[in-house]
Protein backbone atom coordinates (compact mmCIF):
# COMPACT_ATOMS: atom_id res chain seq x y z
CA MET A 1 5.04 21.83 -17.63
CA THR A 2 5.84 23.22 -14.21
CA VAL A 3 3.88 22.01 -11.19
CA VAL A 4 2.43 24.72 -8.98
CA LYS A 5 2.01 23.61 -5.36
CA ARG A 6 -0.37 25.65 -3.24
CA PHE A 7 -0.89 25.58 0.53
CA VAL A 8 -4.46 25.05 1.75
CA ALA A 9 -5.30 27.55 4.48
CA GLY A 10 -6.70 25.95 7.63
CA ALA A 11 -6.20 22.36 6.41
CA VAL A 12 -5.17 19.85 9.08
CA CYS A 13 -2.89 16.93 8.24
CA PRO A 14 -4.71 13.61 8.87
CA ARG A 15 -1.47 11.99 10.05
CA CYS A 16 0.32 14.48 12.28
CA GLY A 17 -2.63 16.80 13.10
CA GLN A 18 -0.70 20.01 12.30
CA MET A 19 -2.57 22.91 10.71
CA ASP A 20 -1.49 24.86 7.66
CA CYS A 21 1.07 22.32 6.42
CA ILE A 22 -0.95 20.71 3.59
CA ARG A 23 -0.19 21.69 0.01
CA MET A 24 -2.03 20.55 -3.14
CA TYR A 25 -1.13 20.21 -6.77
CA ARG A 26 -2.51 18.38 -9.79
CA ASP A 27 -1.52 16.85 -13.08
CA ASP A 28 -3.71 15.79 -16.03
CA GLU A 29 -5.30 12.85 -14.22
CA ARG A 30 -4.89 13.23 -10.43
CA GLU A 31 -5.02 15.76 -7.63
CA TYR A 32 -2.41 15.35 -4.90
CA ARG A 33 -2.05 16.58 -1.35
CA GLU A 34 0.99 16.30 0.87
CA CYS A 35 2.15 17.39 4.30
CA VAL A 36 5.43 19.32 4.52
CA ARG A 37 6.01 18.25 8.13
CA CYS A 38 5.40 14.49 8.24
CA ASP A 39 5.67 13.38 4.56
CA PHE A 40 1.98 12.35 4.37
CA GLU A 41 0.86 11.89 0.75
CA ASP A 42 -2.56 11.21 -0.76
CA SER A 43 -4.16 11.51 -4.17
CA GLN A 44 -7.47 11.11 -5.96
CA ARG A 45 -8.57 10.96 -9.56
CA LEU A 46 -10.00 14.14 -11.10
CA ASP A 47 -12.82 12.27 -12.86
CA GLY A 48 -14.13 10.90 -9.52
CA ALA A 49 -13.66 7.25 -10.53
CA THR A 50 -12.31 4.94 -7.86
CA ASP A 51 -8.86 3.44 -8.15
CA PRO A 52 -8.75 -0.25 -9.10
CA GLU A 53 -8.62 -2.66 -6.16
CA GLU A 54 -5.47 -4.48 -5.34
CA LEU A 55 -5.16 -7.76 -7.22
CA GLN A 56 -5.59 -10.87 -5.10
CA THR A 57 -2.37 -12.80 -4.67
CA ARG A 58 -1.17 -15.50 -2.33
CA VAL A 59 0.48 -12.80 -0.24
CA ASN A 60 -2.55 -10.60 0.50
CA ARG A 61 -5.22 -13.31 0.75
CA ALA A 62 -6.34 -14.75 4.05
CA LYS A 63 -5.03 -18.21 4.85
CA PRO A 64 -7.43 -20.98 3.90
CA VAL A 65 -9.34 -22.62 6.76
CA LEU A 66 -8.72 -26.36 6.96
CA ASP A 67 -11.57 -28.81 7.54
CA PRO A 68 -11.46 -30.79 10.77
CA GLY A 69 -9.04 -33.69 10.37
CA GLU A 70 -7.06 -32.06 7.57
CA ARG A 71 -3.37 -31.26 8.02
CA PRO A 72 -1.03 -29.38 5.75
CA ILE A 73 1.71 -31.34 3.97
CA ARG A 74 5.20 -30.61 5.28
CA PHE A 75 8.16 -31.25 3.03
CA VAL A 76 11.37 -32.29 4.74
CA SER A 77 14.73 -31.98 3.02
CA ASN A 78 16.63 -35.15 2.19
CA PRO A 79 19.13 -35.83 4.99
CA ALA A 80 21.40 -37.80 2.66
CA GLY A 81 24.60 -36.15 1.37
CA LYS A 82 25.43 -35.52 -2.27
CA ASP A 83 26.79 -39.01 -2.72
CA GLY A 84 23.53 -40.54 -1.43
CA LYS A 85 25.02 -41.89 1.83
CA HIS A 86 23.83 -41.02 5.29
């Protein structure tokens, strides 16, 4: 299947603000738009459903707020050498 990309007349790129540089194409599930000047890319599902939200991980969650008087535990490496002597 060949992908046909078509320019959208009068469309303005949301990133660079240039007119007539957006082209659109679609596959079986999504419709895509891209800017030929600034490499902006965007897509949406054809059925109108929203994309699933990003899974919560330790990286994208906000840091927990500590109660007053609480302190985080800090681990310090063992200063002793391999033979156990200082």
